[in-house]
Amino acid sequence: MPLTPRPGTWDRLFRRRGPGTLYRRLKSIEYLFGRDRREVIDFLAGAEPAALSRPARAALIARYVGITNRVRGYHTLGDMLAVAREVLARAGRPGLTVVEAGCAKGSSTAKLSLAARAAGARLLVYDSFAGVPANAEQHTSMDGRPVVFRAGAFRGRIAEVRRTLEQLGAAEVCELHRGWFADTLPSLDRPVDVALLDVDLLESTRTCVRAIMPHLRADGVLFSLDGQLRATHELFASESFWRDEVGVTPPRIDGLGHAKLLIVRPSTR
């Protein structure tokens, strides 16, 4: 007698696309050997990060893919491997500090925490845990589409993020700071080695950069995942923003003008 799928099985397995679905797992495999292939090869084959053996690097990639399959995120595997390499390249440095601004439901936070633990770092996480604040910003993406961020978008409750860290990441290396960036980030009082921003609003980007950049070590690096917006590129291209608002010499920025992941390094001039 032929087996007949239960009602809804096809939809459950092949049409739903959220975390935990077969679709998500298949897309992760597709991206692993397609879109993110170059970053994966570089992470596995490069001389750095010296903090991890190649088998340990492969295991970390597998953990990252597993987190992606279970928790909604707004980044690529390649993005997170780029950040992880910078964290791991500084392994063993006294006071090694990683800052994340904007964590949504904790997918990127769990991934960063694993790299931080391997490198002996602390991960300071800043988020409202209430989603994007009310705002009147209207944006255009780099491909010309209009972009509006609704109040409450990308919300991940603090209990939800803690649970993700406990189950999938390294909660013991994390400090969660709840509140609007303008209220919490000014209390940052230590040198920062690596920072990751995924904050959506231009005003939030300004606030975070003004608060973090003066603390960034001379060999530190700040990543922004908000390069999908033309306004982010325009802001980062402005010398007056860096000199007058941030109070630093305009930095070197990889990806400026074209990439979603922007990589900011302090100027050596």
C-alpha atoms as a PDB file:
ATOM      1  CA  MET A   1       0.000   0.000   0.000  1.00  0.00           C
ATOM      2  CA  PRO A   2       1.586   3.371  -1.000  1.00  0.00           C
ATOM      3  CA  LEU A   3       2.385   5.747   1.790  1.00  0.00           C
ATOM      4  CA  THR A   4       0.363   8.948   1.746  1.00  0.00           C
ATOM      5  CA  PRO A   5       1.901  12.026   3.416  1.00  0.00           C
ATOM      6  CA  ARG A   6      -0.111  13.415   6.269  1.00  0.00           C
ATOM      7  CA  PRO A   7      -2.046  16.585   5.433  1.00  0.00           C
ATOM      8  CA  GLY A   8       0.204  19.615   5.653  1.00  0.00           C
ATOM      9  CA  THR A   9       3.461  17.595   5.520  1.00  0.00           C
ATOM     10  CA  TRP A  10       4.537  19.045   2.163  1.00  0.00           C
ATOM     11  CA  ASP A  11       3.842  22.577   3.330  1.00  0.00           C
ATOM     12  CA  ARG A  12       5.615  21.987   6.621  1.00  0.00           C
ATOM     13  CA  LEU A  13       8.736  20.535   4.975  1.00  0.00           C
ATOM     14  CA  PHE A  14       9.139  22.488   1.755  1.00  0.00           C
ATOM     15  CA  ARG A  15       7.156  25.719   1.832  1.00  0.00           C
ATOM     16  CA  ARG A  16       7.791  27.158   5.243  1.00  0.00           C
ATOM     17  CA  ARG A  17      11.029  29.057   5.351  1.00  0.00           C
ATOM     18  CA  GLY A  18      11.612  30.094   8.961  1.00  0.00           C
ATOM     19  CA  PRO A  19      14.086  28.760  11.507  1.00  0.00           C
ATOM     20  CA  GLY A  20      13.988  25.014  12.000  1.00  0.00           C
ATOM     21  CA  THR A  21      12.570  24.203   8.573  1.00  0.00           C
ATOM     22  CA  LEU A  22      14.002  21.904   5.939  1.00  0.00           C
ATOM     23  CA  TYR A  23      14.107  24.873   3.577  1.00  0.00           C
ATOM     24  CA  ARG A  24      16.401  26.740   5.975  1.00  0.00           C
ATOM     25  CA  ARG A  25      18.741  23.762   6.310  1.00  0.00           C
ATOM     26  CA  LEU A  26      18.930  23.246   2.555  1.00  0.00           C
ATOM     27  CA  LYS A  27      19.619  26.954   1.958  1.00  0.00           C
ATOM     28  CA  SER A  28      22.408  26.842   4.539  1.00  0.00           C
ATOM     29  CA  ILE A  29      24.073  24.042   2.597  1.00  0.00           C
ATOM     30  CA  GLU A  30      23.580  25.924  -0.663  1.00  0.00           C
ATOM     31  CA  TYR A  31      25.180  29.064   0.769  1.00  0.00           C
ATOM     32  CA  LEU A  32      28.007  27.101   2.379  1.00  0.00           C
ATOM     33  CA  PHE A  33      29.166  25.820  -1.001  1.00  0.00           C
ATOM     34  CA  GLY A  34      27.986  28.806  -3.033  1.00  0.00           C
ATOM     35  CA  ARG A  35      27.635  32.373  -1.821  1.00  0.00           C
ATOM     36  CA  ASP A  36      29.890  31.943   1.234  1.00  0.00           C
ATOM     37  CA  ARG A  37      32.346  29.473  -0.283  1.00  0.00           C
ATOM     38  CA  ARG A  38      35.283  31.889  -0.570  1.00  0.00           C
ATOM     39  CA  GLU A  39      34.947  33.099   3.035  1.00  0.00           C
ATOM     40  CA  VAL A  40      34.684  29.506   4.284  1.00  0.00           C
ATOM     41  CA  ILE A  41      37.835  28.473   2.383  1.00  0.00           C
ATOM     42  CA  ASP A  42      39.743  31.507   3.658  1.00  0.00           C
ATOM     43  CA  PHE A  43      38.671  30.821   7.227  1.00  0.00           C
ATOM     44  CA  LEU A  44      39.735  27.182   7.017  1.00  0.00           C
ATOM     45  CA  ALA A  45      42.955  27.628   5.068  1.00  0.00           C
ATOM     46  CA  GLY A  46      44.347  30.947   6.301  1.00  0.00           C
ATOM     47  CA  ALA A  47      47.278  31.248   8.653  1.00  0.00           C
ATOM     48  CA  GLU A  48      44.908  33.005  11.037  1.00  0.00           C
ATOM     49  CA  PRO A  49      43.071  32.585  13.283  1.00  0.00           C
ATOM     50  CA  ALA A  50      45.981  30.944  15.073  1.00  0.00           C
ATOM     51  CA  ALA A  51      43.777  30.462  18.143  1.00  0.00           C
ATOM     52  CA  LEU A  52      42.030  27.500  16.496  1.00  0.00           C
ATOM     53  CA  SER A  53      43.272  24.413  14.712  1.00  0.00           C
ATOM     54  CA  ARG A  54      41.741  23.711  11.316  1.00  0.00           C
ATOM     55  CA  PRO A  55      39.459  20.983  12.731  1.00  0.00           C
ATOM     56  CA  ALA A  56      38.324  23.451  15.394  1.00  0.00           C
ATOM     57  CA  ARG A  57      37.654  26.058  12.684  1.00  0.00           C
ATOM     58  CA  ALA A  58      35.551  23.540  10.768  1.00  0.00           C
ATOM     59  CA  ALA A  59      33.650  22.757  13.975  1.00  0.00           C
ATOM     60  CA  LEU A  60      33.026  26.478  14.533  1.00  0.00           C
ATOM     61  CA  ILE A  61      31.621  26.845  11.015  1.00  0.00           C
ATOM     62  CA  ALA A  62      29.321  23.892  11.687  1.00  0.00           C
ATOM     63  CA  ARG A  63      28.147  25.573  14.923  1.00  0.00           C
ATOM     64  CA  TYR A  64      27.472  28.784  13.016  1.00  0.00           C
ATOM     65  CA  VAL A  65      25.419  26.943  10.411  1.00  0.00           C
ATOM     66  CA  GLY A  66      23.478  25.205  13.170  1.00  0.00           C
ATOM     67  CA  ILE A  67      22.673  28.541  14.810  1.00  0.00           C
ATOM     68  CA  THR A  68      21.524  29.967  11.478  1.00  0.00           C
ATOM     69  CA  ASN A  69      19.187  27.015  11.055  1.00  0.00           C
ATOM     70  CA  ARG A  70      17.575  27.586  14.453  1.00  0.00           C
ATOM     71  CA  VAL A  71      17.578  31.363  15.021  1.00  0.00           C
ATOM     72  CA  ARG A  72      16.535  34.063  12.599  1.00  0.00           C
ATOM     73  CA  GLY A  73      19.435  36.349  11.696  1.00  0.00           C
ATOM     74  CA  TYR A  74      20.143  39.192   9.296  1.00  0.00           C
ATOM     75  CA  HIS A  75      23.685  38.459   8.161  1.00  0.00           C
ATOM     76  CA  THR A  76      25.547  35.910   6.056  1.00  0.00           C
ATOM     77  CA  LEU A  77      27.898  33.176   7.184  1.00  0.00           C
ATOM     78  CA  GLY A  78      30.651  35.067   5.376  1.00  0.00           C
ATOM     79  CA  ASP A  79      29.902  38.203   7.403  1.00  0.00           C
ATOM     80  CA  MET A  80      30.254  36.385  10.705  1.00  0.00           C
ATOM     81  CA  LEU A  81      33.400  34.534   9.660  1.00  0.00           C
ATOM     82  CA  ALA A  82      34.998  37.880   8.770  1.00  0.00           C
ATOM     83  CA  VAL A  83      34.225  39.196  12.254  1.00  0.00           C
ATOM     84  CA  ALA A  84      35.297  35.954  13.927  1.00  0.00           C
ATOM     85  CA  ARG A  85      38.686  36.057  12.190  1.00  0.00           C
ATOM     86  CA  GLU A  86      39.379  39.480  13.651  1.00  0.00           C
ATOM     87  CA  VAL A  87      38.385  38.317  17.130  1.00  0.00           C
ATOM     88  CA  LEU A  88      40.448  35.144  16.952  1.00  0.00           C
ATOM     89  CA  ALA A  89      43.473  36.959  15.508  1.00  0.00           C
ATOM     90  CA  ARG A  90      43.704  38.800  18.849  1.00  0.00           C
ATOM     91  CA  ALA A  91      43.384  35.704  21.042  1.00  0.00           C
ATOM     92  CA  GLY A  92      45.093  35.939  24.398  1.00  0.00           C
ATOM     93  CA  ARG A  93      45.330  39.733  24.474  1.00  0.00           C
ATOM     94  CA  PRO A  94      44.754  41.027  28.017  1.00  0.00           C
ATOM     95  CA  GLY A  95      41.369  42.703  28.298  1.00  0.00           C
ATOM     96  CA  LEU A  96      40.259  41.534  24.855  1.00  0.00           C
ATOM     97  CA  THR A  97      36.851  43.137  24.304  1.00  0.00           C
ATOM     98  CA  VAL A  98      34.244  42.652  21.597  1.00  0.00           C
ATOM     99  CA  VAL A  99      31.209  44.923  21.313  1.00  0.00           C
ATOM    100  CA  GLU A 100      27.972  44.129  19.524  1.00  0.00           C
ATOM    101  CA  ALA A 101      25.349  46.835  18.993  1.00  0.00           C
ATOM    102  CA  GLY A 102      22.027  45.433  17.803  1.00  0.00           C
ATOM    103  CA  CYS A 103      21.484  41.725  18.360  1.00  0.00           C
ATOM    104  CA  ALA A 104      17.844  41.101  17.308  1.00  0.00           C
ATOM    105  CA  LYS A 105      17.027  37.522  18.377  1.00  0.00           C
ATOM    106  CA  GLY A 106      20.614  36.595  19.206  1.00  0.00           C
ATOM    107  CA  SER A 107      21.813  34.709  16.141  1.00  0.00           C
ATOM    108  CA  SER A 108      24.870  36.898  15.610  1.00  0.00           C
ATOM    109  CA  THR A 109      25.371  37.175  19.377  1.00  0.00           C
ATOM    110  CA  ALA A 110      25.605  33.408  19.821  1.00  0.00           C
ATOM    111  CA  LYS A 111      28.116  33.187  16.973  1.00  0.00           C
ATOM    112  CA  LEU A 112      30.218  36.051  18.294  1.00  0.00           C
ATOM    113  CA  SER A 113      30.170  34.543  21.775  1.00  0.00           C
ATOM    114  CA  LEU A 114      31.728  31.310  20.519  1.00  0.00           C
ATOM    115  CA  ALA A 115      34.569  33.215  18.855  1.00  0.00           C
ATOM    116  CA  ALA A 116      34.959  35.382  21.967  1.00  0.00           C
ATOM    117  CA  ARG A 117      35.234  32.334  24.223  1.00  0.00           C
ATOM    118  CA  ALA A 118      37.834  30.736  21.972  1.00  0.00           C
ATOM    119  CA  ALA A 119      39.873  33.950  22.013  1.00  0.00           C
ATOM    120  CA  GLY A 120      39.506  34.651  25.739  1.00  0.00           C
ATOM    121  CA  ALA A 121      37.410  37.795  25.168  1.00  0.00           C
ATOM    122  CA  ARG A 122      34.418  39.434  26.790  1.00  0.00           C
ATOM    123  CA  LEU A 123      31.429  40.209  24.581  1.00  0.00           C
ATOM    124  CA  LEU A 124      29.471  43.354  25.480  1.00  0.00           C
ATOM    125  CA  VAL A 125      26.023  43.323  23.867  1.00  0.00           C
ATOM    126  CA  TYR A 126      23.932  46.493  23.538  1.00  0.00           C
ATOM    127  CA  ASP A 127      20.317  46.371  22.432  1.00  0.00           C
ATOM    128  CA  SER A 128      16.943  47.838  23.387  1.00  0.00           C
ATOM    129  CA  PHE A 129      15.476  44.314  23.358  1.00  0.00           C
ATOM    130  CA  ALA A 130      12.348  46.102  22.174  1.00  0.00           C
ATOM    131  CA  GLY A 131      13.193  46.392  18.485  1.00  0.00           C
ATOM    132  CA  VAL A 132      13.775  49.489  16.396  1.00  0.00           C
ATOM    133  CA  PRO A 133      12.631  52.707  18.124  1.00  0.00           C
ATOM    134  CA  ALA A 134       9.907  54.924  16.699  1.00  0.00           C
ATOM    135  CA  ASN A 135      11.417  57.000  13.912  1.00  0.00           C
ATOM    136  CA  ALA A 136      10.683  59.009  10.775  1.00  0.00           C
ATOM    137  CA  GLU A 137      13.659  57.778   8.751  1.00  0.00           C
ATOM    138  CA  GLN A 138      13.069  56.826   5.132  1.00  0.00           C
ATOM    139  CA  HIS A 139      15.870  55.205   3.202  1.00  0.00           C
ATOM    140  CA  THR A 140      16.910  53.920  -0.173  1.00  0.00           C
ATOM    141  CA  SER A 141      18.798  50.663  -0.509  1.00  0.00           C
ATOM    142  CA  MET A 142      21.931  50.413  -2.624  1.00  0.00           C
ATOM    143  CA  ASP A 143      19.836  48.818  -5.382  1.00  0.00           C
ATOM    144  CA  GLY A 144      17.290  51.642  -5.323  1.00  0.00           C
ATOM    145  CA  ARG A 145      14.465  50.146  -3.272  1.00  0.00           C
ATOM    146  CA  PRO A 146      12.741  52.226  -0.579  1.00  0.00           C
ATOM    147  CA  VAL A 147      13.431  51.068   2.982  1.00  0.00           C
ATOM    148  CA  VAL A 148      11.448  51.957   6.108  1.00  0.00           C
ATOM    149  CA  PHE A 149      12.111  50.530   9.564  1.00  0.00           C
ATOM    150  CA  ARG A 150       8.942  50.057  11.609  1.00  0.00           C
ATOM    151  CA  ALA A 151       9.005  50.669  15.327  1.00  0.00           C
ATOM    152  CA  GLY A 152       9.491  47.323  17.052  1.00  0.00           C
ATOM    153  CA  ALA A 153      11.044  45.607  14.025  1.00  0.00           C
ATOM    154  CA  PHE A 154      13.755  42.982  14.692  1.00  0.00           C
ATOM    155  CA  ARG A 155      12.763  42.682  18.337  1.00  0.00           C
ATOM    156  CA  GLY A 156      14.278  39.935  20.409  1.00  0.00           C
ATOM    157  CA  ARG A 157      13.325  39.854  24.066  1.00  0.00           C
ATOM    158  CA  ILE A 158      16.247  39.745  26.469  1.00  0.00           C
ATOM    159  CA  ALA A 159      15.053  36.408  27.892  1.00  0.00           C
ATOM    160  CA  GLU A 160      14.932  35.008  24.359  1.00  0.00           C
ATOM    161  CA  VAL A 161      18.495  36.152  23.621  1.00  0.00           C
ATOM    162  CA  ARG A 162      19.748  34.747  26.933  1.00  0.00           C
ATOM    163  CA  ARG A 163      18.131  31.406  26.129  1.00  0.00           C
ATOM    164  CA  THR A 164      19.783  31.365  22.705  1.00  0.00           C
ATOM    165  CA  LEU A 165      23.159  32.069  24.275  1.00  0.00           C
ATOM    166  CA  GLU A 166      22.715  29.363  26.887  1.00  0.00           C
ATOM    167  CA  GLN A 167      21.610  26.748  24.368  1.00  0.00           C
ATOM    168  CA  LEU A 168      23.734  27.595  21.332  1.00  0.00           C
ATOM    169  CA  GLY A 169      26.456  30.020  22.343  1.00  0.00           C
ATOM    170  CA  ALA A 170      28.733  30.906  25.256  1.00  0.00           C
ATOM    171  CA  ALA A 171      26.627  32.875  27.707  1.00  0.00           C
ATOM    172  CA  GLU A 172      29.416  32.979  30.281  1.00  0.00           C
ATOM    173  CA  VAL A 173      31.489  35.460  28.245  1.00  0.00           C
ATOM    174  CA  CYS A 174      28.596  37.877  27.572  1.00  0.00           C
ATOM    175  CA  GLU A 175      27.291  41.024  29.229  1.00  0.00           C
ATOM    176  CA  LEU A 176      23.867  42.205  28.050  1.00  0.00           C
ATOM    177  CA  HIS A 177      23.150  45.936  28.298  1.00  0.00           C
ATOM    178  CA  ARG A 178      19.466  46.753  27.807  1.00  0.00           C
ATOM    179  CA  GLY A 179      18.333  50.196  26.657  1.00  0.00           C
ATOM    180  CA  TRP A 180      18.537  52.675  23.814  1.00  0.00           C
ATOM    181  CA  PHE A 181      22.064  53.154  22.505  1.00  0.00           C
ATOM    182  CA  ALA A 182      22.103  56.828  23.477  1.00  0.00           C
ATOM    183  CA  ASP A 183      21.476  55.798  27.104  1.00  0.00           C
ATOM    184  CA  THR A 184      23.754  52.766  27.424  1.00  0.00           C
ATOM    185  CA  LEU A 185      26.777  53.148  25.139  1.00  0.00           C
ATOM    186  CA  PRO A 186      28.131  56.336  26.752  1.00  0.00           C
ATOM    187  CA  SER A 187      28.993  54.184  29.789  1.00  0.00           C
ATOM    188  CA  LEU A 188      31.472  52.169  27.696  1.00  0.00           C
ATOM    189  CA  ASP A 189      34.754  52.685  29.522  1.00  0.00           C
ATOM    190  CA  ARG A 190      37.264  50.181  28.195  1.00  0.00           C
ATOM    191  CA  PRO A 191      39.392  49.712  25.064  1.00  0.00           C
ATOM    192  CA  VAL A 192      37.527  47.912  22.270  1.00  0.00           C
ATOM    193  CA  ASP A 193      39.225  45.460  19.920  1.00  0.00           C
ATOM    194  CA  VAL A 194      36.375  44.440  17.606  1.00  0.00           C
ATOM    195  CA  ALA A 195      32.909  45.943  17.230  1.00  0.00           C
ATOM    196  CA  LEU A 196      29.914  44.875  15.167  1.00  0.00           C
ATOM    197  CA  LEU A 197      27.006  47.218  14.404  1.00  0.00           C
ATOM    198  CA  ASP A 198      23.673  46.045  13.028  1.00  0.00           C
ATOM    199  CA  VAL A 199      21.448  48.928  14.067  1.00  0.00           C
ATOM    200  CA  ASP A 200      19.373  49.810  10.963  1.00  0.00           C
ATOM    201  CA  LEU A 201      18.657  53.471  11.661  1.00  0.00           C
ATOM    202  CA  LEU A 202      21.125  56.136  10.562  1.00  0.00           C
ATOM    203  CA  GLU A 203      20.743  57.955  13.876  1.00  0.00           C
ATOM    204  CA  SER A 204      21.602  54.717  15.684  1.00  0.00           C
ATOM    205  CA  THR A 205      24.698  54.284  13.519  1.00  0.00           C
ATOM    206  CA  ARG A 206      25.800  57.837  14.368  1.00  0.00           C
ATOM    207  CA  THR A 207      25.254  57.225  18.084  1.00  0.00           C
ATOM    208  CA  CYS A 208      27.130  53.926  18.117  1.00  0.00           C
ATOM    209  CA  VAL A 209      30.083  55.141  16.081  1.00  0.00           C
ATOM    210  CA  ARG A 210      30.445  58.272  18.234  1.00  0.00           C
ATOM    211  CA  ALA A 211      30.448  56.146  21.390  1.00  0.00           C
ATOM    212  CA  ILE A 212      32.644  53.250  20.231  1.00  0.00           C
ATOM    213  CA  MET A 213      35.202  54.691  17.828  1.00  0.00           C
ATOM    214  CA  PRO A 214      37.122  56.770  20.395  1.00  0.00           C
ATOM    215  CA  HIS A 215      37.608  53.557  22.420  1.00  0.00           C
ATOM    216  CA  LEU A 216      38.729  51.446  19.439  1.00  0.00           C
ATOM    217  CA  ARG A 217      42.331  50.351  19.748  1.00  0.00           C
ATOM    218  CA  ALA A 218      44.807  51.507  17.091  1.00  0.00           C
ATOM    219  CA  ASP A 219      44.710  48.024  15.539  1.00  0.00           C
ATOM    220  CA  GLY A 220      40.989  47.525  16.210  1.00  0.00           C
ATOM    221  CA  VAL A 221      38.224  47.085  13.671  1.00  0.00           C
ATOM    222  CA  LEU A 222      34.585  48.150  13.532  1.00  0.00           C
ATOM    223  CA  PHE A 223      32.135  46.324  11.269  1.00  0.00           C
ATOM    224  CA  SER A 224      28.790  47.668  10.087  1.00  0.00           C
ATOM    225  CA  LEU A 225      26.134  45.382   8.652  1.00  0.00           C
ATOM    226  CA  ASP A 226      24.054  48.373   7.551  1.00  0.00           C
ATOM    227  CA  GLY A 227      25.770  48.902   4.224  1.00  0.00           C
ATOM    228  CA  GLN A 228      22.573  48.005   2.396  1.00  0.00           C
ATOM    229  CA  LEU A 229      21.549  51.647   2.907  1.00  0.00           C
ATOM    230  CA  ARG A 230      22.890  54.452   0.746  1.00  0.00           C
ATOM    231  CA  ALA A 231      22.708  56.746   3.759  1.00  0.00           C
ATOM    232  CA  THR A 232      25.219  54.601   5.678  1.00  0.00           C
ATOM    233  CA  HIS A 233      27.744  54.874   2.856  1.00  0.00           C
ATOM    234  CA  GLU A 234      27.157  58.633   2.600  1.00  0.00           C
ATOM    235  CA  LEU A 235      27.669  59.047   6.345  1.00  0.00           C
ATOM    236  CA  PHE A 236      30.867  56.992   6.390  1.00  0.00           C
ATOM    237  CA  ALA A 237      32.197  58.865   3.346  1.00  0.00           C
ATOM    238  CA  SER A 238      31.816  62.207   5.141  1.00  0.00           C
ATOM    239  CA  GLU A 239      35.117  63.535   6.516  1.00  0.00           C
ATOM    240  CA  SER A 240      33.235  66.062   8.643  1.00  0.00           C
ATOM    241  CA  PHE A 241      31.312  63.257  10.362  1.00  0.00           C
ATOM    242  CA  TRP A 242      34.559  61.592  11.442  1.00  0.00           C
ATOM    243  CA  ARG A 243      36.408  64.773  12.356  1.00  0.00           C
ATOM    244  CA  ASP A 244      33.638  66.902  13.871  1.00  0.00           C
ATOM    245  CA  GLU A 245      31.189  64.377  15.350  1.00  0.00           C
ATOM    246  CA  VAL A 246      33.385  61.396  16.177  1.00  0.00           C
ATOM    247  CA  GLY A 247      36.585  63.318  16.844  1.00  0.00           C
ATOM    248  CA  VAL A 248      38.944  61.031  14.923  1.00  0.00           C
ATOM    249  CA  THR A 249      40.923  61.169  11.708  1.00  0.00           C
ATOM    250  CA  PRO A 250      38.800  59.743   8.871  1.00  0.00           C
ATOM    251  CA  PRO A 251      39.458  55.989   8.942  1.00  0.00           C
ATOM    252  CA  ARG A 252      40.093  53.467   6.210  1.00  0.00           C
ATOM    253  CA  ILE A 253      36.818  51.823   5.179  1.00  0.00           C
ATOM    254  CA  ASP A 254      36.724  48.618   3.153  1.00  0.00           C
ATOM    255  CA  GLY A 255      33.567  48.164   1.074  1.00  0.00           C
ATOM    256  CA  LEU A 256      32.650  51.848   1.008  1.00  0.00           C
ATOM    257  CA  GLY A 257      30.325  52.620  -1.883  1.00  0.00           C
ATOM    258  CA  HIS A 258      29.343  49.044  -2.730  1.00  0.00           C
ATOM    259  CA  ALA A 259      29.325  46.463   0.083  1.00  0.00           C
ATOM    260  CA  LYS A 260      26.758  45.565   2.740  1.00  0.00           C
ATOM    261  CA  LEU A 261      29.502  44.706   5.223  1.00  0.00           C
ATOM    262  CA  LEU A 262      31.602  47.800   5.877  1.00  0.00           C
ATOM    263  CA  ILE A 263      34.938  47.378   7.648  1.00  0.00           C
ATOM    264  CA  VAL A 264      36.309  50.429   9.456  1.00  0.00           C
ATOM    265  CA  ARG A 265      39.926  50.612  10.664  1.00  0.00           C
ATOM    266  CA  PRO A 266      41.459  53.588  12.473  1.00  0.00           C
ATOM    267  CA  SER A 267      43.687  55.769  10.355  1.00  0.00           C
ATOM    268  CA  THR A 268      47.439  55.331  10.813  1.00  0.00           C
ATOM    269  CA  ARG A 269      48.148  58.881   9.615  1.00  0.00           C
END
